[in-house]
């Protein structure tokens, strides 16, 4: 139960440390957050004894990836893999945070 709360806190602390150690790097500290939030979401699902959120969450993320990839390919007629990967990783970070918040609401309700 404590890991549900401490993993995201540890993720934010790790993000702050990464930002402090590598201030001029191309990656940002919050790029490590999905690793912590995905495990915390899985712990919430195990705690509730529900089926895992991962198949549904990653299906939603996969649809988002397809939409973004196709729209960028149509818009620019070329896919810059570095920028596309950066954008998709940012979306993964945001999605995992929203999944975590949503699963926390399922614990509260």
C-alpha atoms as a PDB file:
ATOM      1  CA  UNK A   1       0.000   0.000   0.000  1.00  0.00           C
ATOM      2  CA  UNK A   2       2.799   2.430   0.830  1.00  0.00           C
ATOM      3  CA  UNK A   3       4.484   1.759  -2.513  1.00  0.00           C
ATOM      4  CA  UNK A   4       1.444   3.262  -4.251  1.00  0.00           C
ATOM      5  CA  UNK A   5       2.282   6.647  -2.733  1.00  0.00           C
ATOM      6  CA  UNK A   6       6.063   6.403  -2.394  1.00  0.00           C
ATOM      7  CA  UNK A   7       6.854   5.346  -5.981  1.00  0.00           C
ATOM      8  CA  UNK A   8       5.534   8.577  -7.569  1.00  0.00           C
ATOM      9  CA  UNK A   9       7.244  10.634  -4.865  1.00  0.00           C
ATOM     10  CA  UNK A  10      10.471   8.751  -5.570  1.00  0.00           C
ATOM     11  CA  UNK A  11       9.915   9.437  -9.271  1.00  0.00           C
ATOM     12  CA  UNK A  12       9.623  13.176  -8.687  1.00  0.00           C
ATOM     13  CA  UNK A  13      12.723  13.146  -6.495  1.00  0.00           C
ATOM     14  CA  UNK A  14      14.612  11.245  -9.198  1.00  0.00           C
ATOM     15  CA  UNK A  15      13.387  13.755 -11.793  1.00  0.00           C
ATOM     16  CA  UNK A  16      14.679  16.633  -9.675  1.00  0.00           C
ATOM     17  CA  UNK A  17      18.045  14.911  -9.262  1.00  0.00           C
ATOM     18  CA  UNK A  18      18.297  14.255 -13.019  1.00  0.00           C
ATOM     19  CA  UNK A  19      17.526  17.922 -13.707  1.00  0.00           C
ATOM     20  CA  UNK A  20      20.148  19.019 -11.184  1.00  0.00           C
ATOM     21  CA  UNK A  21      22.857  16.669 -12.447  1.00  0.00           C
ATOM     22  CA  UNK A  22      22.210  17.177 -16.174  1.00  0.00           C
ATOM     23  CA  UNK A  23      20.875  20.733 -16.552  1.00  0.00           C
ATOM     24  CA  UNK A  24      21.808  21.111 -20.239  1.00  0.00           C
ATOM     25  CA  UNK A  25      20.889  17.619 -21.452  1.00  0.00           C
ATOM     26  CA  UNK A  26      18.358  17.053 -24.215  1.00  0.00           C
ATOM     27  CA  UNK A  27      16.288  14.877 -21.918  1.00  0.00           C
ATOM     28  CA  UNK A  28      14.417  16.283 -18.965  1.00  0.00           C
ATOM     29  CA  UNK A  29      14.003  14.983 -15.471  1.00  0.00           C
ATOM     30  CA  UNK A  30      10.371  14.120 -15.937  1.00  0.00           C
ATOM     31  CA  UNK A  31      11.341  11.652 -18.667  1.00  0.00           C
ATOM     32  CA  UNK A  32      11.941   9.062 -15.932  1.00  0.00           C
ATOM     33  CA  UNK A  33       8.441   9.435 -14.464  1.00  0.00           C
ATOM     34  CA  UNK A  34       6.704   6.755 -16.597  1.00  0.00           C
ATOM     35  CA  UNK A  35       8.931   4.078 -15.084  1.00  0.00           C
ATOM     36  CA  UNK A  36       7.678   4.959 -11.599  1.00  0.00           C
ATOM     37  CA  UNK A  37       4.045   5.674 -12.462  1.00  0.00           C
ATOM     38  CA  UNK A  38       3.500   2.479 -14.462  1.00  0.00           C
ATOM     39  CA  UNK A  39       4.671   0.375 -11.513  1.00  0.00           C
ATOM     40  CA  UNK A  40       2.521   2.423  -9.118  1.00  0.00           C
ATOM     41  CA  UNK A  41      -0.532   1.927 -11.364  1.00  0.00           C
ATOM     42  CA  UNK A  42       0.097  -1.801 -11.466  1.00  0.00           C
ATOM     43  CA  UNK A  43       0.357  -1.817  -7.648  1.00  0.00           C
ATOM     44  CA  UNK A  44      -3.015  -0.042  -7.430  1.00  0.00           C
ATOM     45  CA  UNK A  45      -4.599  -2.638  -9.712  1.00  0.00           C
ATOM     46  CA  UNK A  46      -3.114  -5.447  -7.630  1.00  0.00           C
ATOM     47  CA  UNK A  47      -4.284  -3.775  -4.409  1.00  0.00           C
ATOM     48  CA  UNK A  48      -7.849  -3.531  -5.716  1.00  0.00           C
ATOM     49  CA  UNK A  49      -7.639  -7.126  -6.983  1.00  0.00           C
ATOM     50  CA  UNK A  50      -8.844  -5.900 -10.379  1.00  0.00           C
ATOM     51  CA  UNK A  51      -7.514  -6.861 -13.731  1.00  0.00           C
ATOM     52  CA  UNK A  52      -4.481  -4.926 -14.810  1.00  0.00           C
ATOM     53  CA  UNK A  53      -4.908  -1.453 -16.255  1.00  0.00           C
ATOM     54  CA  UNK A  54      -1.907  -1.971 -18.524  1.00  0.00           C
ATOM     55  CA  UNK A  55      -3.635  -3.530 -21.567  1.00  0.00           C
ATOM     56  CA  UNK A  56      -6.312  -0.817 -21.676  1.00  0.00           C
ATOM     57  CA  UNK A  57      -3.925   2.003 -20.878  1.00  0.00           C
ATOM     58  CA  UNK A  58      -1.419   0.968 -23.482  1.00  0.00           C
ATOM     59  CA  UNK A  59      -4.182   0.378 -26.031  1.00  0.00           C
ATOM     60  CA  UNK A  60      -5.250   3.982 -25.490  1.00  0.00           C
ATOM     61  CA  UNK A  61      -1.659   5.132 -25.767  1.00  0.00           C
ATOM     62  CA  UNK A  62      -1.148   3.052 -28.919  1.00  0.00           C
ATOM     63  CA  UNK A  63      -4.165   4.697 -30.573  1.00  0.00           C
ATOM     64  CA  UNK A  64      -2.758   8.093 -29.585  1.00  0.00           C
ATOM     65  CA  UNK A  65       0.629   7.142 -31.054  1.00  0.00           C
ATOM     66  CA  UNK A  66      -0.989   6.114 -34.324  1.00  0.00           C
ATOM     67  CA  UNK A  67      -2.978   9.338 -34.568  1.00  0.00           C
ATOM     68  CA  UNK A  68       0.058  11.522 -33.843  1.00  0.00           C
ATOM     69  CA  UNK A  69       2.347   9.577 -36.184  1.00  0.00           C
ATOM     70  CA  UNK A  70      -0.103   9.684 -39.069  1.00  0.00           C
ATOM     71  CA  UNK A  71      -0.913  13.357 -38.566  1.00  0.00           C
ATOM     72  CA  UNK A  72       2.769  14.311 -38.462  1.00  0.00           C
ATOM     73  CA  UNK A  73       3.520  12.222 -41.540  1.00  0.00           C
ATOM     74  CA  UNK A  74       0.703  13.908 -43.437  1.00  0.00           C
ATOM     75  CA  UNK A  75       1.569  17.383 -42.203  1.00  0.00           C
ATOM     76  CA  UNK A  76       5.319  17.306 -42.810  1.00  0.00           C
ATOM     77  CA  UNK A  77       5.470  14.581 -45.497  1.00  0.00           C
ATOM     78  CA  UNK A  78       8.457  13.269 -43.636  1.00  0.00           C
ATOM     79  CA  UNK A  79       8.858  11.842 -40.163  1.00  0.00           C
ATOM     80  CA  UNK A  80      11.710  13.170 -38.079  1.00  0.00           C
ATOM     81  CA  UNK A  81      12.196  10.216 -35.772  1.00  0.00           C
ATOM     82  CA  UNK A  82      13.937  12.163 -32.997  1.00  0.00           C
ATOM     83  CA  UNK A  83      11.211  14.769 -32.634  1.00  0.00           C
ATOM     84  CA  UNK A  84       8.499  12.170 -33.033  1.00  0.00           C
ATOM     85  CA  UNK A  85      10.019   9.939 -30.344  1.00  0.00           C
ATOM     86  CA  UNK A  86      10.347  12.947 -28.005  1.00  0.00           C
ATOM     87  CA  UNK A  87       6.708  13.897 -28.533  1.00  0.00           C
ATOM     88  CA  UNK A  88       5.494  10.331 -28.006  1.00  0.00           C
ATOM     89  CA  UNK A  89       7.567   9.946 -24.836  1.00  0.00           C
ATOM     90  CA  UNK A  90       6.083  13.207 -23.523  1.00  0.00           C
ATOM     91  CA  UNK A  91       2.613  11.821 -24.230  1.00  0.00           C
ATOM     92  CA  UNK A  92       3.525   8.623 -22.384  1.00  0.00           C
ATOM     93  CA  UNK A  93       4.586  10.695 -19.386  1.00  0.00           C
ATOM     94  CA  UNK A  94       1.306  12.606 -19.352  1.00  0.00           C
ATOM     95  CA  UNK A  95      -0.748   9.443 -19.902  1.00  0.00           C
ATOM     96  CA  UNK A  96       0.888   7.609 -17.000  1.00  0.00           C
ATOM     97  CA  UNK A  97       0.254  10.542 -14.677  1.00  0.00           C
ATOM     98  CA  UNK A  98      -3.427  10.631 -15.671  1.00  0.00           C
ATOM     99  CA  UNK A  99      -3.710   6.838 -15.327  1.00  0.00           C
ATOM    100  CA  UNK A 100      -2.235   7.092 -11.845  1.00  0.00           C
ATOM    101  CA  UNK A 101      -4.612   9.879 -10.809  1.00  0.00           C
ATOM    102  CA  UNK A 102      -7.580   7.984 -12.236  1.00  0.00           C
ATOM    103  CA  UNK A 103      -6.629   4.804 -10.408  1.00  0.00           C
ATOM    104  CA  UNK A 104      -6.184   6.764  -7.178  1.00  0.00           C
ATOM    105  CA  UNK A 105      -9.776   7.925  -7.562  1.00  0.00           C
ATOM    106  CA  UNK A 106     -10.854   4.285  -7.863  1.00  0.00           C
ATOM    107  CA  UNK A 107      -9.221   3.590  -4.512  1.00  0.00           C
ATOM    108  CA  UNK A 108     -10.948   6.558  -2.891  1.00  0.00           C
ATOM    109  CA  UNK A 109     -14.405   5.760  -4.278  1.00  0.00           C
END
